[in-house]
Amino acid sequence: MRLLLVDDQPEMRRLCEVVLRAEGFVVTSAANVEEAEVALQGPLPDVVLLDLCMPGTDGYSMADALAADPRTRAVPIILLTATSSTRSLSSVVGTIAKPFRPTQLAEQVRALLATRT
């Protein structure tokens, strides 16, 4: 399963990359929305793991843009955030709260994606 991870914190990206790759995910990571947009020009991921609170363009804006684009609107989004309240976004299939247990990250991603079927 291909996953695009978008998070501005380098330590969080590295942790997620290591954990998810060990569980068989193919991970592309981006430090911000602009890097994510470049990554999305290639083959689409099966899921986007998206931090909401980032400097510059935030995760809400990226989620809105993905939902508005016919090419990416079907790509499910999982929010990875420390924010306790999130507004409703049509393409969001769930939220993983920071801090999370690294050993459970892949399991949580799979469980949230399973609710879509």
N, C-alpha and C. Protein backbone atom coordinates (compact mmCIF):
# COMPACT_ATOMS: atom_id res chain seq x y z
N MET A 1 0.84 -1.17 0.00
CA MET A 1 0.00 0.00 0.00
C MET A 1 0.89 1.24 0.00
N ARG A 2 0.59 2.17 -0.90
CA ARG A 2 1.36 3.41 -1.00
C ARG A 2 0.73 4.48 -0.10
N LEU A 3 1.57 5.15 0.66
CA LEU A 3 1.11 6.15 1.62
C LEU A 3 1.92 7.42 1.45
N LEU A 4 1.24 8.56 1.42
CA LEU A 4 1.90 9.86 1.42
C LEU A 4 1.75 10.44 2.82
N LEU A 5 2.87 10.68 3.48
CA LEU A 5 2.92 11.23 4.83
C LEU A 5 3.30 12.71 4.73
N VAL A 6 2.44 13.58 5.26
CA VAL A 6 2.70 15.02 5.21
C VAL A 6 2.73 15.54 6.65
N ASP A 7 3.93 15.91 7.10
CA ASP A 7 4.12 16.42 8.47
C ASP A 7 5.36 17.30 8.49
N ASP A 8 5.25 18.44 9.14
CA ASP A 8 6.36 19.39 9.16
C ASP A 8 7.45 19.03 10.16
N GLN A 9 7.19 18.11 11.06
CA GLN A 9 8.17 17.74 12.09
C GLN A 9 9.04 16.58 11.58
N PRO A 10 10.35 16.85 11.39
CA PRO A 10 11.24 15.79 10.86
C PRO A 10 11.26 14.53 11.70
N GLU A 11 11.24 14.67 13.01
CA GLU A 11 11.28 13.50 13.89
C GLU A 11 10.02 12.65 13.72
N MET A 12 8.88 13.31 13.59
CA MET A 12 7.62 12.59 13.40
C MET A 12 7.62 11.87 12.06
N ARG A 13 8.11 12.53 11.01
CA ARG A 13 8.18 11.87 9.70
C ARG A 13 9.07 10.64 9.76
N ARG A 14 10.25 10.78 10.36
CA ARG A 14 11.17 9.64 10.43
C ARG A 14 10.56 8.48 11.21
N LEU A 15 9.94 8.78 12.35
CA LEU A 15 9.32 7.74 13.16
C LEU A 15 8.23 7.02 12.36
N CYS A 16 7.36 7.78 11.74
CA CYS A 16 6.27 7.18 10.95
C CYS A 16 6.81 6.36 9.79
N GLU A 17 7.81 6.90 9.10
CA GLU A 17 8.40 6.19 7.97
C GLU A 17 8.94 4.83 8.40
N VAL A 18 9.71 4.81 9.47
CA VAL A 18 10.32 3.56 9.94
C VAL A 18 9.24 2.55 10.31
N VAL A 19 8.26 2.99 11.09
CA VAL A 19 7.20 2.09 11.55
C VAL A 19 6.37 1.57 10.39
N LEU A 20 5.96 2.46 9.50
CA LEU A 20 5.09 2.05 8.40
C LEU A 20 5.82 1.18 7.38
N ARG A 21 7.07 1.51 7.08
CA ARG A 21 7.84 0.67 6.14
C ARG A 21 8.05 -0.73 6.71
N ALA A 22 8.28 -0.82 8.01
CA ALA A 22 8.46 -2.13 8.64
C ALA A 22 7.19 -2.97 8.54
N GLU A 23 6.05 -2.30 8.38
CA GLU A 23 4.77 -3.00 8.25
C GLU A 23 4.34 -3.19 6.80
N GLY A 24 5.24 -2.88 5.86
CA GLY A 24 4.98 -3.16 4.46
C GLY A 24 4.44 -2.01 3.62
N PHE A 25 4.26 -0.84 4.22
CA PHE A 25 3.81 0.33 3.45
C PHE A 25 4.96 0.89 2.62
N VAL A 26 4.64 1.42 1.46
CA VAL A 26 5.59 2.18 0.65
C VAL A 26 5.31 3.63 0.98
N VAL A 27 6.25 4.29 1.63
CA VAL A 27 6.02 5.63 2.18
C VAL A 27 6.79 6.68 1.40
N THR A 28 6.06 7.72 0.99
CA THR A 28 6.66 8.94 0.47
C THR A 28 6.33 10.01 1.50
N SER A 29 7.31 10.80 1.88
CA SER A 29 7.02 11.82 2.89
C SER A 29 7.27 13.21 2.35
N ALA A 30 6.56 14.15 2.94
CA ALA A 30 6.66 15.56 2.56
C ALA A 30 6.64 16.40 3.83
N ALA A 31 7.47 17.44 3.84
CA ALA A 31 7.57 18.31 5.01
C ALA A 31 6.51 19.41 5.01
N ASN A 32 5.84 19.59 3.87
CA ASN A 32 4.83 20.65 3.79
C ASN A 32 3.92 20.36 2.61
N VAL A 33 2.92 21.19 2.46
CA VAL A 33 1.94 21.00 1.40
C VAL A 33 2.57 21.12 0.02
N GLU A 34 3.50 22.03 -0.13
CA GLU A 34 4.14 22.21 -1.43
C GLU A 34 4.88 20.94 -1.86
N GLU A 35 5.62 20.32 -0.94
CA GLU A 35 6.31 19.06 -1.26
C GLU A 35 5.30 17.96 -1.56
N ALA A 36 4.19 17.95 -0.83
CA ALA A 36 3.15 16.95 -1.06
C ALA A 36 2.55 17.10 -2.45
N GLU A 37 2.34 18.35 -2.89
CA GLU A 37 1.80 18.59 -4.21
C GLU A 37 2.73 18.04 -5.29
N VAL A 38 4.02 18.18 -5.10
CA VAL A 38 4.99 17.63 -6.05
C VAL A 38 4.87 16.09 -6.06
N ALA A 39 4.80 15.49 -4.89
CA ALA A 39 4.69 14.03 -4.80
C ALA A 39 3.42 13.53 -5.48
N LEU A 40 2.35 14.31 -5.40
CA LEU A 40 1.07 13.90 -5.97
C LEU A 40 1.02 14.02 -7.49
N GLN A 41 2.06 14.59 -8.10
CA GLN A 41 2.12 14.66 -9.55
C GLN A 41 2.46 13.31 -10.17
N GLY A 42 3.03 12.42 -9.36
CA GLY A 42 3.33 11.06 -9.81
C GLY A 42 2.16 10.15 -9.52
N PRO A 43 2.44 8.86 -9.39
CA PRO A 43 1.37 7.92 -9.05
C PRO A 43 0.71 8.31 -7.73
N LEU A 44 -0.60 8.22 -7.69
CA LEU A 44 -1.32 8.59 -6.47
C LEU A 44 -1.12 7.56 -5.37
N PRO A 45 -1.05 8.02 -4.13
CA PRO A 45 -0.96 7.09 -3.01
C PRO A 45 -2.33 6.45 -2.75
N ASP A 46 -2.32 5.39 -2.01
CA ASP A 46 -3.57 4.74 -1.60
C ASP A 46 -4.22 5.48 -0.45
N VAL A 47 -3.40 6.23 0.29
CA VAL A 47 -3.89 7.01 1.44
C VAL A 47 -2.91 8.14 1.73
N VAL A 48 -3.45 9.25 2.26
CA VAL A 48 -2.62 10.37 2.69
C VAL A 48 -2.74 10.46 4.21
N LEU A 49 -1.62 10.45 4.88
CA LEU A 49 -1.55 10.66 6.32
C LEU A 49 -1.12 12.11 6.51
N LEU A 50 -2.01 12.95 7.04
CA LEU A 50 -1.86 14.39 6.96
C LEU A 50 -1.91 15.07 8.32
N ASP A 51 -0.85 15.80 8.63
CA ASP A 51 -0.83 16.65 9.82
C ASP A 51 -1.66 17.89 9.52
N LEU A 52 -2.45 18.35 10.48
CA LEU A 52 -3.28 19.54 10.26
C LEU A 52 -2.52 20.83 10.51
N CYS A 53 -1.74 20.86 11.57
CA CYS A 53 -1.09 22.12 11.98
C CYS A 53 0.33 22.17 11.45
N MET A 54 0.48 22.91 10.35
CA MET A 54 1.79 23.10 9.74
C MET A 54 1.93 24.58 9.40
N PRO A 55 3.15 25.08 9.40
CA PRO A 55 3.34 26.48 8.98
C PRO A 55 3.03 26.63 7.50
N GLY A 56 2.64 27.83 7.11
CA GLY A 56 2.28 28.05 5.71
C GLY A 56 0.91 27.46 5.46
N THR A 57 0.78 26.74 4.36
CA THR A 57 -0.49 26.10 4.04
C THR A 57 -0.73 24.95 5.00
N ASP A 58 -1.87 24.95 5.67
CA ASP A 58 -2.12 23.92 6.68
C ASP A 58 -2.81 22.69 6.07
N GLY A 59 -2.98 21.68 6.91
CA GLY A 59 -3.58 20.44 6.48
C GLY A 59 -5.03 20.57 6.05
N TYR A 60 -5.78 21.49 6.67
CA TYR A 60 -7.16 21.71 6.25
C TYR A 60 -7.21 22.15 4.79
N SER A 61 -6.35 23.10 4.45
CA SER A 61 -6.33 23.61 3.07
C SER A 61 -5.94 22.50 2.09
N MET A 62 -4.99 21.66 2.49
CA MET A 62 -4.58 20.58 1.61
C MET A 62 -5.72 19.57 1.44
N ALA A 63 -6.40 19.23 2.53
CA ALA A 63 -7.52 18.29 2.45
C ALA A 63 -8.62 18.84 1.54
N ASP A 64 -8.91 20.13 1.66
CA ASP A 64 -9.91 20.77 0.79
C ASP A 64 -9.48 20.69 -0.67
N ALA A 65 -8.19 20.95 -0.93
CA ALA A 65 -7.69 20.93 -2.31
C ALA A 65 -7.74 19.51 -2.89
N LEU A 66 -7.41 18.52 -2.09
CA LEU A 66 -7.47 17.13 -2.56
C LEU A 66 -8.90 16.74 -2.90
N ALA A 67 -9.84 17.15 -2.05
CA ALA A 67 -11.25 16.82 -2.27
C ALA A 67 -11.81 17.54 -3.50
N ALA A 68 -11.30 18.70 -3.82
CA ALA A 68 -11.80 19.48 -4.96
C ALA A 68 -11.22 19.03 -6.30
N ASP A 69 -10.12 18.33 -6.28
CA ASP A 69 -9.44 17.91 -7.50
C ASP A 69 -9.98 16.55 -7.95
N PRO A 70 -10.53 16.46 -9.16
CA PRO A 70 -11.07 15.17 -9.63
C PRO A 70 -10.04 14.04 -9.59
N ARG A 71 -8.78 14.35 -9.77
CA ARG A 71 -7.74 13.32 -9.79
C ARG A 71 -7.49 12.74 -8.39
N THR A 72 -7.63 13.56 -7.35
CA THR A 72 -7.28 13.11 -6.00
C THR A 72 -8.47 12.96 -5.05
N ARG A 73 -9.65 13.32 -5.48
CA ARG A 73 -10.78 13.35 -4.54
C ARG A 73 -11.12 11.99 -3.93
N ALA A 74 -10.76 10.91 -4.60
CA ALA A 74 -11.07 9.58 -4.06
C ALA A 74 -9.98 9.05 -3.11
N VAL A 75 -8.87 9.76 -2.99
CA VAL A 75 -7.79 9.31 -2.12
C VAL A 75 -8.19 9.59 -0.67
N PRO A 76 -8.28 8.55 0.15
CA PRO A 76 -8.66 8.78 1.54
C PRO A 76 -7.56 9.49 2.31
N ILE A 77 -8.00 10.29 3.29
CA ILE A 77 -7.09 11.05 4.13
C ILE A 77 -7.29 10.62 5.58
N ILE A 78 -6.17 10.40 6.27
CA ILE A 78 -6.20 10.16 7.70
C ILE A 78 -5.44 11.31 8.34
N LEU A 79 -6.10 11.99 9.25
CA LEU A 79 -5.46 13.11 9.93
C LEU A 79 -4.57 12.59 11.04
N LEU A 80 -3.40 13.15 11.12
CA LEU A 80 -2.43 12.82 12.16
C LEU A 80 -2.21 14.14 12.90
N THR A 81 -2.84 14.29 14.08
CA THR A 81 -2.87 15.61 14.68
C THR A 81 -2.98 15.59 16.20
N ALA A 82 -2.46 16.63 16.81
CA ALA A 82 -2.60 16.83 18.25
C ALA A 82 -3.81 17.72 18.54
N THR A 83 -4.45 18.24 17.51
CA THR A 83 -5.61 19.10 17.67
C THR A 83 -6.80 18.27 18.11
N SER A 84 -7.45 18.71 19.16
CA SER A 84 -8.56 17.92 19.70
C SER A 84 -9.84 18.06 18.88
N SER A 85 -10.05 19.18 18.24
CA SER A 85 -11.25 19.33 17.43
C SER A 85 -10.85 19.52 15.98
N THR A 86 -11.51 18.80 15.12
CA THR A 86 -11.25 18.92 13.70
C THR A 86 -12.58 19.15 12.99
N ARG A 87 -12.56 19.98 11.99
CA ARG A 87 -13.80 20.21 11.25
C ARG A 87 -14.04 19.03 10.31
N SER A 88 -15.24 18.87 9.91
CA SER A 88 -15.62 17.77 9.04
C SER A 88 -15.08 18.01 7.63
N LEU A 89 -14.38 17.03 7.12
CA LEU A 89 -13.84 17.08 5.77
C LEU A 89 -14.29 15.81 5.05
N SER A 90 -14.84 15.96 3.87
CA SER A 90 -15.47 14.83 3.18
C SER A 90 -14.54 13.66 2.90
N SER A 91 -13.30 13.93 2.59
CA SER A 91 -12.39 12.84 2.23
C SER A 91 -11.64 12.25 3.41
N VAL A 92 -11.89 12.75 4.61
CA VAL A 92 -11.20 12.24 5.80
C VAL A 92 -11.92 11.00 6.32
N VAL A 93 -11.16 9.92 6.44
CA VAL A 93 -11.74 8.67 6.92
C VAL A 93 -11.51 8.47 8.41
N GLY A 94 -10.67 9.29 9.02
CA GLY A 94 -10.43 9.17 10.45
C GLY A 94 -9.27 10.02 10.92
N THR A 95 -9.04 9.95 12.21
CA THR A 95 -8.00 10.74 12.86
C THR A 95 -7.18 9.84 13.76
N ILE A 96 -5.87 10.03 13.73
CA ILE A 96 -4.97 9.40 14.68
C ILE A 96 -4.40 10.53 15.52
N ALA A 97 -4.65 10.47 16.82
CA ALA A 97 -4.25 11.54 17.71
C ALA A 97 -2.78 11.42 18.09
N LYS A 98 -2.10 12.58 18.04
CA LYS A 98 -0.73 12.66 18.57
C LYS A 98 -0.84 13.00 20.04
N PRO A 99 -0.04 12.46 20.89
CA PRO A 99 0.94 11.41 20.60
C PRO A 99 0.24 10.06 20.43
N PHE A 100 0.82 9.21 19.64
CA PHE A 100 0.28 7.89 19.40
C PHE A 100 1.35 6.86 19.71
N ARG A 101 0.93 5.62 19.83
CA ARG A 101 1.89 4.53 20.06
C ARG A 101 2.42 4.08 18.71
N PRO A 102 3.71 4.27 18.46
CA PRO A 102 4.29 3.90 17.16
C PRO A 102 4.00 2.46 16.76
N THR A 103 3.96 1.57 17.74
CA THR A 103 3.74 0.16 17.42
C THR A 103 2.32 -0.08 16.91
N GLN A 104 1.41 0.87 17.13
CA GLN A 104 0.03 0.69 16.70
C GLN A 104 -0.34 1.52 15.47
N LEU A 105 0.61 2.29 14.93
CA LEU A 105 0.30 3.19 13.83
C LEU A 105 -0.22 2.45 12.60
N ALA A 106 0.49 1.46 12.13
CA ALA A 106 0.06 0.73 10.94
C ALA A 106 -1.31 0.07 11.16
N GLU A 107 -1.51 -0.48 12.33
CA GLU A 107 -2.79 -1.10 12.66
C GLU A 107 -3.93 -0.07 12.61
N GLN A 108 -3.67 1.12 13.15
CA GLN A 108 -4.69 2.17 13.12
C GLN A 108 -4.99 2.61 11.69
N VAL A 109 -3.97 2.76 10.87
CA VAL A 109 -4.18 3.14 9.48
C VAL A 109 -5.03 2.09 8.78
N ARG A 110 -4.68 0.84 8.92
CA ARG A 110 -5.44 -0.24 8.28
C ARG A 110 -6.89 -0.29 8.78
N ALA A 111 -7.08 -0.11 10.08
CA ALA A 111 -8.44 -0.15 10.65
C ALA A 111 -9.29 0.99 10.10
N LEU A 112 -8.71 2.19 9.99
CA LEU A 112 -9.48 3.32 9.46
C LEU A 112 -9.82 3.11 7.99
N LEU A 113 -8.90 2.56 7.23
CA LEU A 113 -9.17 2.30 5.82
C LEU A 113 -10.22 1.20 5.65
N ALA A 114 -10.25 0.25 6.57
CA ALA A 114 -11.23 -0.84 6.49
C ALA A 114 -12.65 -0.33 6.68
N THR A 115 -12.81 0.78 7.38
CA THR A 115 -14.15 1.32 7.60
C THR A 115 -14.74 1.91 6.33
N ARG A 116 -13.92 2.14 5.31
CA ARG A 116 -14.38 2.70 4.04
C ARG A 116 -15.07 1.67 3.18
N THR A 117 -14.79 0.41 3.39
CA THR A 117 -15.34 -0.62 2.50
C THR A 117 -16.65 -1.16 2.98
